[in-house]
Amino acid sequence: MKYHLLYCDDAGDSHWRDVDVALTETEFAPPARSILVSEGEAAKATLFLRLEAGWNEPIHPTPKRQTLIPLAGRIRVTASDGEARDFGPGDVWRMEDTQGKGHHTCVIGDADFDCVIVQFD
C-alpha cells in the first residue's frame, strides 16, 4: 500500500514522493482473525468535499496537513516543480505543502470530483 506525498522543500518548491505504508498483523477487531493494519495517526477533522466539473484553481499551498481520498471523478494536481499526478477512486494524496509555492489542482473529465479529507492540524 502507498500514498502520494506532496511536500515543500527549503526553497519553497513542492515535490511528489511515493510513501510505502508499513502494515503489521494486528488483532484489530477481536474475535475476528488478525489483519494487516498501519499505525494510527490522530486526526482533527473529517470533511466531505465536492469540486464541480471544470473547476480550476490558482496555485496555492494547502491550508492544513491533510489527506485526500477520492470517491468519484478525477483531478490533476501539479507540484510547483512541474510534475503532475492524476487522482481518482483508489488513490490517496497526503498534502504537506503548507508553505512555499504550493500546487495547482483542476478537475479533469466531465464528472464532479467527490472526496473525503482527513485533517491533522
N, C-alpha and C. Protein backbone atom coordinates (compact mmCIF):
# COMPACT_ATOMS: atom_id res chain seq x y z
N MET A 1 0.84 -1.15 0.00
CA MET A 1 0.00 0.00 0.00
C MET A 1 0.90 1.23 0.00
N LYS A 2 0.44 2.30 -0.66
CA LYS A 2 1.23 3.53 -0.68
C LYS A 2 0.30 4.73 -0.77
N TYR A 3 0.87 5.90 -0.52
CA TYR A 3 0.17 7.15 -0.78
C TYR A 3 1.12 8.11 -1.47
N HIS A 4 0.55 9.13 -2.09
CA HIS A 4 1.31 10.16 -2.80
C HIS A 4 1.50 11.33 -1.84
N LEU A 5 2.74 11.67 -1.52
CA LEU A 5 3.04 12.77 -0.61
C LEU A 5 3.48 13.99 -1.41
N LEU A 6 2.83 15.12 -1.19
CA LEU A 6 3.22 16.40 -1.78
C LEU A 6 3.81 17.23 -0.65
N TYR A 7 5.09 17.56 -0.76
CA TYR A 7 5.79 18.28 0.30
C TYR A 7 6.53 19.49 -0.27
N CYS A 8 6.98 20.37 0.61
CA CYS A 8 7.68 21.59 0.22
C CYS A 8 9.13 21.50 0.68
N ASP A 9 10.07 21.84 -0.21
CA ASP A 9 11.48 21.84 0.17
C ASP A 9 11.86 23.21 0.76
N ASP A 10 13.12 23.35 1.18
CA ASP A 10 13.58 24.58 1.81
C ASP A 10 13.53 25.79 0.89
N ALA A 11 13.54 25.56 -0.44
CA ALA A 11 13.48 26.66 -1.41
C ALA A 11 12.03 27.08 -1.70
N GLY A 12 11.05 26.38 -1.12
CA GLY A 12 9.65 26.73 -1.33
C GLY A 12 8.99 26.01 -2.49
N ASP A 13 9.69 25.07 -3.14
CA ASP A 13 9.11 24.31 -4.25
C ASP A 13 8.45 23.05 -3.72
N SER A 14 7.31 22.68 -4.31
CA SER A 14 6.63 21.44 -3.92
C SER A 14 7.05 20.31 -4.85
N HIS A 15 7.10 19.11 -4.28
CA HIS A 15 7.55 17.91 -5.00
C HIS A 15 6.70 16.73 -4.56
N TRP A 16 6.63 15.71 -5.43
CA TRP A 16 5.93 14.46 -5.13
C TRP A 16 6.93 13.42 -4.64
N ARG A 17 6.46 12.56 -3.74
CA ARG A 17 7.22 11.38 -3.32
C ARG A 17 6.20 10.29 -2.98
N ASP A 18 6.47 9.07 -3.42
CA ASP A 18 5.63 7.93 -3.05
C ASP A 18 6.08 7.42 -1.68
N VAL A 19 5.12 7.15 -0.81
CA VAL A 19 5.41 6.66 0.54
C VAL A 19 4.75 5.30 0.71
N ASP A 20 5.56 4.30 1.05
CA ASP A 20 5.02 2.97 1.35
C ASP A 20 4.49 2.96 2.77
N VAL A 21 3.31 2.38 2.96
CA VAL A 21 2.68 2.29 4.27
C VAL A 21 3.07 0.96 4.89
N ALA A 22 3.66 1.02 6.08
CA ALA A 22 4.03 -0.20 6.80
C ALA A 22 2.78 -0.80 7.45
N LEU A 23 2.58 -2.09 7.23
CA LEU A 23 1.43 -2.81 7.80
C LEU A 23 1.94 -3.90 8.72
N THR A 24 1.27 -4.06 9.85
CA THR A 24 1.63 -5.07 10.84
C THR A 24 0.41 -5.91 11.14
N GLU A 25 0.61 -7.24 11.26
CA GLU A 25 -0.50 -8.11 11.61
C GLU A 25 -0.96 -7.78 13.02
N THR A 26 -2.27 -7.49 13.14
CA THR A 26 -2.82 -6.99 14.40
C THR A 26 -4.19 -7.61 14.66
N GLU A 27 -4.49 -7.87 15.93
CA GLU A 27 -5.84 -8.25 16.33
C GLU A 27 -6.64 -6.96 16.40
N PHE A 28 -7.25 -6.57 15.29
CA PHE A 28 -7.89 -5.27 15.15
C PHE A 28 -9.31 -5.25 15.70
N ALA A 29 -10.05 -6.34 15.48
CA ALA A 29 -11.46 -6.39 15.90
C ALA A 29 -11.79 -7.78 16.42
N PRO A 30 -11.21 -8.15 17.58
CA PRO A 30 -11.48 -9.48 18.11
C PRO A 30 -12.98 -9.71 18.29
N PRO A 31 -13.51 -10.86 18.04
CA PRO A 31 -12.79 -12.11 17.85
C PRO A 31 -12.41 -12.39 16.40
N ALA A 32 -12.54 -11.42 15.51
CA ALA A 32 -12.13 -11.63 14.12
C ALA A 32 -10.63 -11.95 14.07
N ARG A 33 -10.23 -12.66 13.01
CA ARG A 33 -8.82 -13.00 12.83
C ARG A 33 -7.98 -11.74 12.71
N SER A 34 -6.69 -11.86 12.96
CA SER A 34 -5.76 -10.75 12.80
C SER A 34 -5.74 -10.29 11.35
N ILE A 35 -5.53 -8.99 11.16
CA ILE A 35 -5.45 -8.40 9.81
C ILE A 35 -4.24 -7.47 9.77
N LEU A 36 -3.85 -7.06 8.56
CA LEU A 36 -2.75 -6.13 8.39
C LEU A 36 -3.25 -4.71 8.55
N VAL A 37 -2.62 -3.95 9.46
CA VAL A 37 -3.06 -2.61 9.80
C VAL A 37 -1.84 -1.70 9.93
N SER A 38 -1.99 -0.44 9.53
CA SER A 38 -0.92 0.54 9.72
C SER A 38 -1.03 1.14 11.12
N GLU A 39 -0.03 1.92 11.50
CA GLU A 39 -0.12 2.66 12.76
C GLU A 39 -1.16 3.76 12.61
N GLY A 40 -1.81 4.10 13.69
CA GLY A 40 -2.80 5.16 13.66
C GLY A 40 -2.16 6.54 13.76
N GLU A 41 -2.89 7.55 13.31
CA GLU A 41 -2.46 8.94 13.44
C GLU A 41 -3.68 9.74 13.87
N ALA A 42 -3.53 10.52 14.93
CA ALA A 42 -4.65 11.31 15.43
C ALA A 42 -5.07 12.34 14.39
N ALA A 43 -6.38 12.44 14.17
CA ALA A 43 -6.93 13.40 13.20
C ALA A 43 -7.75 14.45 13.94
N LYS A 44 -7.82 15.63 13.34
CA LYS A 44 -8.58 16.73 13.95
C LYS A 44 -9.98 16.85 13.36
N ALA A 45 -10.13 16.61 12.05
CA ALA A 45 -11.44 16.78 11.40
C ALA A 45 -11.52 15.88 10.17
N THR A 46 -12.75 15.51 9.82
CA THR A 46 -13.03 14.78 8.58
C THR A 46 -14.07 15.58 7.81
N LEU A 47 -13.80 15.82 6.53
CA LEU A 47 -14.68 16.63 5.68
C LEU A 47 -15.04 15.87 4.42
N PHE A 48 -16.20 16.15 3.88
CA PHE A 48 -16.58 15.71 2.54
C PHE A 48 -16.51 16.92 1.64
N LEU A 49 -15.95 16.78 0.45
CA LEU A 49 -15.70 17.92 -0.43
C LEU A 49 -16.09 17.57 -1.85
N ARG A 50 -16.68 18.52 -2.56
CA ARG A 50 -17.00 18.34 -3.98
C ARG A 50 -16.40 19.49 -4.77
N LEU A 51 -15.68 19.16 -5.84
CA LEU A 51 -15.22 20.13 -6.84
C LEU A 51 -16.03 19.86 -8.10
N GLU A 52 -16.73 20.85 -8.58
CA GLU A 52 -17.59 20.65 -9.75
C GLU A 52 -16.76 20.52 -11.02
N ALA A 53 -17.30 19.79 -11.98
CA ALA A 53 -16.63 19.60 -13.28
C ALA A 53 -16.21 20.96 -13.82
N GLY A 54 -15.00 21.05 -14.36
CA GLY A 54 -14.48 22.30 -14.89
C GLY A 54 -13.75 23.15 -13.88
N TRP A 55 -13.80 22.78 -12.60
CA TRP A 55 -13.16 23.56 -11.55
C TRP A 55 -11.66 23.62 -11.79
N ASN A 56 -11.07 24.81 -11.67
CA ASN A 56 -9.67 25.02 -11.97
C ASN A 56 -9.20 26.18 -11.09
N GLU A 57 -8.30 25.92 -10.17
CA GLU A 57 -7.92 26.92 -9.18
C GLU A 57 -6.53 27.50 -9.44
N PRO A 58 -6.23 28.66 -8.87
CA PRO A 58 -4.86 29.18 -8.94
C PRO A 58 -3.95 28.37 -8.01
N ILE A 59 -2.67 28.42 -8.26
CA ILE A 59 -1.70 27.70 -7.43
C ILE A 59 -1.74 28.24 -6.00
N HIS A 60 -1.63 27.33 -5.02
CA HIS A 60 -1.67 27.71 -3.61
C HIS A 60 -1.09 26.58 -2.76
N PRO A 61 -0.60 26.89 -1.56
CA PRO A 61 -0.22 25.83 -0.62
C PRO A 61 -1.47 25.29 0.06
N THR A 62 -1.38 24.08 0.59
CA THR A 62 -2.51 23.52 1.32
C THR A 62 -2.68 24.28 2.65
N PRO A 63 -3.92 24.51 3.08
CA PRO A 63 -4.13 25.28 4.31
C PRO A 63 -3.78 24.50 5.58
N LYS A 64 -3.79 23.17 5.49
CA LYS A 64 -3.51 22.32 6.65
C LYS A 64 -2.86 21.03 6.17
N ARG A 65 -2.15 20.35 7.08
CA ARG A 65 -1.68 19.00 6.76
C ARG A 65 -2.91 18.12 6.69
N GLN A 66 -3.11 17.46 5.55
CA GLN A 66 -4.33 16.69 5.37
C GLN A 66 -4.14 15.60 4.33
N THR A 67 -5.04 14.63 4.36
CA THR A 67 -5.05 13.53 3.40
C THR A 67 -6.37 13.55 2.65
N LEU A 68 -6.30 13.44 1.33
CA LEU A 68 -7.48 13.45 0.46
C LEU A 68 -7.67 12.04 -0.10
N ILE A 69 -8.91 11.53 -0.02
CA ILE A 69 -9.26 10.19 -0.51
C ILE A 69 -10.39 10.37 -1.51
N PRO A 70 -10.10 10.20 -2.82
CA PRO A 70 -11.14 10.39 -3.84
C PRO A 70 -12.23 9.32 -3.76
N LEU A 71 -13.48 9.76 -3.99
CA LEU A 71 -14.63 8.85 -4.04
C LEU A 71 -15.19 8.72 -5.45
N ALA A 72 -15.19 9.82 -6.21
CA ALA A 72 -15.74 9.83 -7.58
C ALA A 72 -15.08 10.96 -8.36
N GLY A 73 -14.98 10.78 -9.67
CA GLY A 73 -14.37 11.79 -10.52
C GLY A 73 -12.85 11.73 -10.48
N ARG A 74 -12.20 12.71 -11.16
CA ARG A 74 -10.74 12.73 -11.24
C ARG A 74 -10.24 14.16 -11.17
N ILE A 75 -9.06 14.32 -10.55
CA ILE A 75 -8.37 15.60 -10.54
C ILE A 75 -6.94 15.42 -11.02
N ARG A 76 -6.34 16.52 -11.47
CA ARG A 76 -4.92 16.56 -11.79
C ARG A 76 -4.30 17.59 -10.86
N VAL A 77 -3.22 17.19 -10.18
CA VAL A 77 -2.52 18.08 -9.25
C VAL A 77 -1.09 18.24 -9.74
N THR A 78 -0.67 19.50 -9.90
CA THR A 78 0.67 19.80 -10.40
C THR A 78 1.47 20.49 -9.31
N ALA A 79 2.60 19.88 -8.95
CA ALA A 79 3.51 20.48 -7.98
C ALA A 79 4.19 21.69 -8.61
N SER A 80 4.78 22.56 -7.80
CA SER A 80 5.43 23.74 -8.36
C SER A 80 6.66 23.38 -9.18
N ASP A 81 7.21 22.15 -9.02
CA ASP A 81 8.33 21.73 -9.86
C ASP A 81 7.88 21.24 -11.23
N GLY A 82 6.55 21.23 -11.49
CA GLY A 82 6.00 20.87 -12.79
C GLY A 82 5.50 19.44 -12.91
N GLU A 83 5.80 18.56 -11.94
CA GLU A 83 5.33 17.18 -12.01
C GLU A 83 3.84 17.12 -11.66
N ALA A 84 3.06 16.49 -12.54
CA ALA A 84 1.62 16.35 -12.34
C ALA A 84 1.26 14.90 -12.06
N ARG A 85 0.25 14.72 -11.21
CA ARG A 85 -0.29 13.39 -10.93
C ARG A 85 -1.81 13.49 -10.98
N ASP A 86 -2.44 12.42 -11.50
CA ASP A 86 -3.90 12.33 -11.57
C ASP A 86 -4.40 11.45 -10.44
N PHE A 87 -5.54 11.84 -9.86
CA PHE A 87 -6.12 11.12 -8.73
C PHE A 87 -7.58 10.81 -8.99
N GLY A 88 -7.96 9.59 -8.64
CA GLY A 88 -9.34 9.14 -8.71
C GLY A 88 -9.57 8.10 -7.62
N PRO A 89 -10.75 7.48 -7.61
CA PRO A 89 -11.05 6.48 -6.58
C PRO A 89 -9.94 5.42 -6.48
N GLY A 90 -9.54 5.12 -5.25
CA GLY A 90 -8.48 4.15 -5.00
C GLY A 90 -7.13 4.79 -4.73
N ASP A 91 -6.99 6.10 -4.98
CA ASP A 91 -5.74 6.81 -4.71
C ASP A 91 -5.83 7.50 -3.35
N VAL A 92 -4.67 7.83 -2.79
CA VAL A 92 -4.60 8.59 -1.55
C VAL A 92 -3.52 9.66 -1.72
N TRP A 93 -3.88 10.92 -1.41
CA TRP A 93 -2.98 12.05 -1.55
C TRP A 93 -2.78 12.72 -0.20
N ARG A 94 -1.54 12.75 0.27
CA ARG A 94 -1.19 13.40 1.53
C ARG A 94 -0.60 14.78 1.20
N MET A 95 -1.21 15.83 1.71
CA MET A 95 -0.76 17.20 1.45
C MET A 95 0.01 17.73 2.65
N GLU A 96 1.28 18.08 2.42
CA GLU A 96 2.09 18.67 3.48
C GLU A 96 2.79 19.92 2.98
N ASP A 97 2.38 20.44 1.83
CA ASP A 97 2.99 21.66 1.28
C ASP A 97 2.26 22.89 1.83
N THR A 98 2.36 23.08 3.15
CA THR A 98 1.65 24.16 3.82
C THR A 98 2.35 25.51 3.67
N GLN A 99 3.54 25.52 3.10
CA GLN A 99 4.29 26.75 2.85
C GLN A 99 4.80 26.72 1.42
N GLY A 100 5.42 27.78 0.99
CA GLY A 100 6.05 27.82 -0.31
C GLY A 100 5.06 28.09 -1.43
N LYS A 101 5.42 27.67 -2.63
CA LYS A 101 4.66 27.99 -3.83
C LYS A 101 3.36 27.21 -3.95
N GLY A 102 3.31 26.02 -3.37
CA GLY A 102 2.08 25.24 -3.40
C GLY A 102 1.90 24.40 -4.65
N HIS A 103 0.64 24.17 -5.02
CA HIS A 103 0.29 23.27 -6.13
C HIS A 103 -0.94 23.82 -6.85
N HIS A 104 -1.17 23.27 -8.03
CA HIS A 104 -2.35 23.63 -8.83
C HIS A 104 -3.23 22.38 -8.94
N THR A 105 -4.54 22.56 -8.80
CA THR A 105 -5.48 21.45 -8.90
C THR A 105 -6.58 21.81 -9.88
N CYS A 106 -6.95 20.84 -10.74
CA CYS A 106 -8.10 21.03 -11.63
C CYS A 106 -8.84 19.71 -11.78
N VAL A 107 -10.14 19.81 -11.98
CA VAL A 107 -10.96 18.63 -12.25
C VAL A 107 -10.76 18.26 -13.72
N ILE A 108 -10.52 16.98 -13.98
CA ILE A 108 -10.39 16.51 -15.36
C ILE A 108 -11.60 15.63 -15.70
N GLY A 109 -12.06 15.74 -16.91
CA GLY A 109 -13.23 14.99 -17.32
C GLY A 109 -14.50 15.79 -17.08
N ASP A 110 -15.64 15.15 -17.34
CA ASP A 110 -16.95 15.81 -17.27
C ASP A 110 -17.68 15.59 -15.96
N ALA A 111 -17.10 14.82 -15.04
CA ALA A 111 -17.78 14.50 -13.78
C ALA A 111 -17.27 15.37 -12.64
N ASP A 112 -18.14 15.65 -11.67
CA ASP A 112 -17.71 16.31 -10.44
C ASP A 112 -16.72 15.40 -9.71
N PHE A 113 -15.88 16.00 -8.89
CA PHE A 113 -14.91 15.26 -8.09
C PHE A 113 -15.37 15.29 -6.64
N ASP A 114 -15.63 14.11 -6.06
CA ASP A 114 -16.04 13.97 -4.66
C ASP A 114 -14.93 13.28 -3.89
N CYS A 115 -14.68 13.74 -2.66
CA CYS A 115 -13.63 13.13 -1.86
C CYS A 115 -13.91 13.29 -0.37
N VAL A 116 -13.13 12.58 0.41
CA VAL A 116 -13.07 12.73 1.85
C VAL A 116 -11.71 13.32 2.18
N ILE A 117 -11.68 14.30 3.08
CA ILE A 117 -10.43 14.88 3.53
C ILE A 117 -10.32 14.67 5.04
N VAL A 118 -9.17 14.16 5.47
CA VAL A 118 -8.88 13.98 6.89
C VAL A 118 -7.80 15.01 7.23
N GLN A 119 -8.11 15.92 8.15
CA GLN A 119 -7.18 16.97 8.53
C GLN A 119 -6.48 16.61 9.85
N PHE A 120 -5.19 16.95 9.91
CA PHE A 120 -4.37 16.61 11.07
C PHE A 120 -4.01 17.82 11.92
N ASP A 121 -4.11 19.04 11.37
CA ASP A 121 -3.77 20.27 12.11
C ASP A 121 -5.03 21.07 12.39
